[in-house]
């Protein structure tokens, strides 16, 4: 497991977004999951990454008072959206997202153009599935190699029992390659057969 990264929940500096721009941003987030059909062939201009995400919640007080809501939302009830993007990409470039609920590990497999990518941020989903104005900056990097399936690790995010602005969040990457490959083997046998370990890190890839 990589050294633990301590982050804090921050507030977006964006105050208002024009409707058309908001709709464009919503449309740019593609699922961080490829179909079996998409993975039947991988060209020299494509690579595949696999991994997983797990949110856990720290144990809070056994008996909460009626004023516990002042410490923020109950983390166990929050669905999180984790966003991926290519390093150095332009504004409104395609990003990729996966949703995760605390205690449930989400596995992903995605075909992408070769290059360096960044697991950018995690944010609680807001009303109607839209992002709220709170987020955790992750800045975790991985590389997509042409015609190679790379295992980038399990992203583990531990949040306090209640979350609010400034809450401390612990982030780490661990190695669960065998378990992840086993979960994908039946549906994507050709894509994960020769997976190469290439764990993501908290610094840019050299």
Protein backbone atom coordinates (compact mmCIF):
# COMPACT_ATOMS: atom_id res chain seq x y z
CA UNK A 1 0.00 0.00 0.00
CA UNK A 2 1.25 3.47 -0.84
CA UNK A 3 1.84 6.00 1.95
CA UNK A 4 -1.43 7.45 3.16
CA UNK A 5 -2.40 10.81 1.68
CA UNK A 6 -4.36 13.14 3.95
CA UNK A 7 -6.78 15.45 2.15
CA UNK A 8 -9.62 17.66 3.28
CA UNK A 9 -13.07 18.22 1.87
CA UNK A 10 -13.02 21.53 0.03
CA UNK A 11 -15.61 23.79 -1.53
CA UNK A 12 -15.69 24.48 -5.24
CA UNK A 13 -14.83 28.06 -6.12
CA UNK A 14 -17.37 28.05 -8.96
CA UNK A 15 -20.32 30.20 -7.92
CA UNK A 16 -22.52 29.90 -10.99
CA UNK A 17 -22.31 28.10 -14.32
CA UNK A 18 -24.38 29.03 -17.37
CA UNK A 19 -26.93 26.34 -18.21
CA UNK A 20 -25.40 25.39 -21.57
CA UNK A 21 -21.94 25.06 -20.05
CA UNK A 22 -23.34 22.95 -17.21
CA UNK A 23 -25.06 20.61 -19.67
CA UNK A 24 -21.85 20.33 -21.68
CA UNK A 25 -19.87 19.41 -18.56
CA UNK A 26 -22.46 16.81 -17.58
CA UNK A 27 -22.28 15.27 -21.04
CA UNK A 28 -18.47 14.96 -20.98
CA UNK A 29 -18.27 12.47 -18.10
CA UNK A 30 -18.15 9.02 -19.67
CA UNK A 31 -18.53 5.83 -17.59
CA UNK A 32 -15.23 4.39 -16.33
CA UNK A 33 -16.34 1.00 -17.66
CA UNK A 34 -16.01 -0.51 -21.14
CA UNK A 35 -18.38 -3.09 -22.56
CA UNK A 36 -17.33 -6.57 -23.57
CA UNK A 37 -17.86 -5.58 -27.20
CA UNK A 38 -15.59 -2.52 -26.88
CA UNK A 39 -12.80 -4.72 -25.54
CA UNK A 40 -12.94 -7.36 -28.27
CA UNK A 41 -10.10 -5.53 -30.04
CA UNK A 42 -7.46 -3.10 -28.76
CA UNK A 43 -5.53 -1.16 -31.39
CA UNK A 44 -2.00 0.28 -31.24
CA UNK A 45 -3.62 3.60 -30.28
CA UNK A 46 -5.45 2.11 -27.29
CA UNK A 47 -4.70 0.54 -23.92
CA UNK A 48 -6.75 -0.92 -21.06
CA UNK A 49 -6.67 -0.17 -17.33
CA UNK A 50 -8.33 -2.11 -14.53
CA UNK A 51 -8.65 -1.38 -10.84
CA UNK A 52 -11.16 -0.76 -8.09
CA UNK A 53 -12.41 1.86 -5.66
CA UNK A 54 -13.47 1.37 -2.04
CA UNK A 55 -14.85 4.02 0.31
CA UNK A 56 -14.86 3.20 4.01
CA UNK A 57 -16.30 5.16 6.92
CA UNK A 58 -14.48 5.69 10.22
CA UNK A 59 -16.35 4.62 13.34
CA UNK A 60 -18.14 7.51 15.03
CA UNK A 61 -19.70 7.94 18.47
CA UNK A 62 -21.89 5.02 19.54
CA UNK A 63 -24.72 7.26 20.71
CA UNK A 64 -25.29 10.49 18.81
CA UNK A 65 -27.12 13.47 20.21
CA UNK A 66 -29.91 15.30 18.45
CA UNK A 67 -27.32 17.90 17.44
CA UNK A 68 -25.09 15.44 15.56
CA UNK A 69 -26.18 16.95 12.24
CA UNK A 70 -23.99 19.95 13.09
CA UNK A 71 -20.98 17.71 12.35
CA UNK A 72 -22.19 17.24 8.77
CA UNK A 73 -23.89 14.59 6.64
CA UNK A 74 -23.74 10.93 7.65
CA UNK A 75 -20.99 9.54 5.44
CA UNK A 76 -22.53 6.07 5.23
CA UNK A 77 -25.50 7.58 3.35
CA UNK A 78 -23.39 9.42 0.77
CA UNK A 79 -22.82 8.16 -2.76
CA UNK A 80 -19.49 9.37 -4.16
CA UNK A 81 -18.49 10.16 -7.73
CA UNK A 82 -14.81 9.70 -8.60
CA UNK A 83 -13.54 11.52 -11.69
CA UNK A 84 -10.66 10.52 -13.98
CA UNK A 85 -9.07 12.62 -16.74
CA UNK A 86 -6.06 12.80 -19.01
CA UNK A 87 -3.19 14.92 -17.68
CA UNK A 88 -2.85 18.21 -19.55
CA UNK A 89 -6.25 17.91 -21.23
CA UNK A 90 -8.14 21.03 -22.31
CA UNK A 91 -11.21 22.42 -20.49
CA UNK A 92 -14.35 20.48 -21.41
CA UNK A 93 -12.26 17.50 -22.56
CA UNK A 94 -13.80 14.10 -21.91
CA UNK A 95 -13.56 12.91 -18.33
CA UNK A 96 -14.51 9.52 -16.92
CA UNK A 97 -16.48 8.83 -13.76
CA UNK A 98 -17.47 5.97 -11.51
CA UNK A 99 -19.87 6.03 -8.56
CA UNK A 100 -19.27 4.22 -5.29
CA UNK A 101 -21.10 3.79 -2.00
CA UNK A 102 -19.25 3.23 1.29
CA UNK A 103 -18.50 -0.42 2.00
CA UNK A 104 -19.00 -1.62 -1.59
CA UNK A 105 -15.90 -2.08 -3.73
CA UNK A 106 -16.45 -0.99 -7.34
CA UNK A 107 -14.31 -2.64 -10.02
CA UNK A 108 -13.61 -0.93 -13.34
CA UNK A 109 -12.10 -1.82 -16.71
CA UNK A 110 -11.68 0.86 -19.35
CA UNK A 111 -10.15 1.15 -22.83
CA UNK A 112 -8.41 4.53 -23.23
CA UNK A 113 -5.97 6.30 -25.54
CA UNK A 114 -2.35 5.87 -24.34
CA UNK A 115 -1.04 8.58 -22.06
CA UNK A 116 -0.87 9.79 -18.48
CA UNK A 117 -4.08 10.09 -16.50
CA UNK A 118 -5.10 11.51 -13.17
CA UNK A 119 -7.70 10.32 -10.66
CA UNK A 120 -8.72 13.90 -10.08
CA UNK A 121 -11.29 14.14 -7.31
CA UNK A 122 -14.08 12.53 -5.35
CA UNK A 123 -17.28 14.37 -4.59
CA UNK A 124 -20.57 13.52 -2.90
CA UNK A 125 -23.38 13.20 -5.41
CA UNK A 126 -25.96 15.92 -4.93
CA UNK A 127 -29.59 16.29 -5.90
CA UNK A 128 -30.63 14.22 -8.95
CA UNK A 129 -27.12 12.73 -9.08
CA UNK A 130 -25.45 16.08 -9.81
CA UNK A 131 -22.22 16.86 -8.01
CA UNK A 132 -22.39 18.95 -4.88
CA UNK A 133 -20.07 21.92 -4.32
CA UNK A 134 -17.86 19.84 -1.98
CA UNK A 135 -15.02 17.67 -3.16
CA UNK A 136 -11.82 15.88 -2.16
CA UNK A 137 -8.77 16.49 -4.36
CA UNK A 138 -7.01 13.17 -5.07
CA UNK A 139 -4.25 13.86 -7.65
CA UNK A 140 -3.33 10.20 -8.17
CA UNK A 141 -1.59 9.35 -11.44
CA UNK A 142 -1.44 6.31 -13.70
CA UNK A 143 -0.33 5.53 -17.24
CA UNK A 144 -2.12 3.83 -20.12
CA UNK A 145 0.23 1.83 -22.35
CA UNK A 146 -0.67 0.90 -25.95
CA UNK A 147 -2.09 -2.62 -26.40
CA UNK A 148 -1.50 -3.46 -22.74
CA UNK A 149 -3.88 -4.15 -19.86
CA UNK A 150 -2.51 -2.42 -16.76
CA UNK A 151 -3.66 -2.98 -13.19
CA UNK A 152 -3.47 0.39 -11.42
CA UNK A 153 -4.53 -0.71 -7.92
CA UNK A 154 -7.35 -0.32 -5.43
CA UNK A 155 -8.09 3.27 -4.47
CA UNK A 156 -9.03 3.25 -0.78
CA UNK A 157 -10.70 6.37 0.60
CA UNK A 158 -11.50 6.55 4.31
CA UNK A 159 -13.88 9.31 5.38
CA UNK A 160 -15.05 10.34 8.88
CA UNK A 161 -18.47 9.21 10.11
CA UNK A 162 -19.89 12.63 9.23
CA UNK A 163 -18.58 14.89 6.49
CA UNK A 164 -18.48 18.64 6.15
CA UNK A 165 -16.11 21.35 4.90
CA UNK A 166 -12.57 20.66 6.15
CA UNK A 167 -13.18 17.00 7.09
CA UNK A 168 -9.97 14.94 6.95
CA UNK A 169 -9.97 12.15 4.35
CA UNK A 170 -7.33 9.39 4.14
CA UNK A 171 -6.39 8.13 0.66
CA UNK A 172 -4.15 5.19 -0.31
CA UNK A 173 -3.49 2.78 -3.19
CA UNK A 174 -3.24 -0.92 -2.37
CA UNK A 175 -2.52 -4.01 -4.48
CA UNK A 176 -5.46 -6.42 -4.95
CA UNK A 177 -4.65 -7.51 -8.48
CA UNK A 178 -5.56 -11.18 -8.12
CA UNK A 179 -8.97 -10.40 -6.61
CA UNK A 180 -9.73 -7.73 -9.22
CA UNK A 181 -8.74 -9.93 -12.16
CA UNK A 182 -10.85 -12.76 -10.74
CA UNK A 183 -13.92 -10.51 -10.65
CA UNK A 184 -13.45 -9.52 -14.30
CA UNK A 185 -12.24 -12.86 -15.67
CA UNK A 186 -15.60 -14.38 -16.63
CA UNK A 187 -16.86 -11.37 -18.60
CA UNK A 188 -13.55 -10.06 -20.00
CA UNK A 189 -11.26 -13.13 -20.30
CA UNK A 190 -9.22 -11.89 -23.28
CA UNK A 191 -8.73 -8.39 -21.82
CA UNK A 192 -7.39 -9.44 -18.40
CA UNK A 193 -5.46 -12.59 -19.35
CA UNK A 194 -2.04 -10.87 -19.44
CA UNK A 195 -2.52 -8.00 -17.03
CA UNK A 196 0.61 -6.03 -16.10
CA UNK A 197 0.92 -4.52 -12.62
CA UNK A 198 1.42 -0.74 -12.87
CA UNK A 199 0.18 0.79 -9.65
CA UNK A 200 -0.99 4.39 -9.62
CA UNK A 201 0.97 6.84 -7.53
CA UNK A 202 0.65 10.24 -5.90
CA UNK A 203 3.23 11.76 -8.24
CA UNK A 204 3.42 12.12 -11.99
CA UNK A 205 4.74 9.17 -13.98
CA UNK A 206 8.30 9.60 -15.22
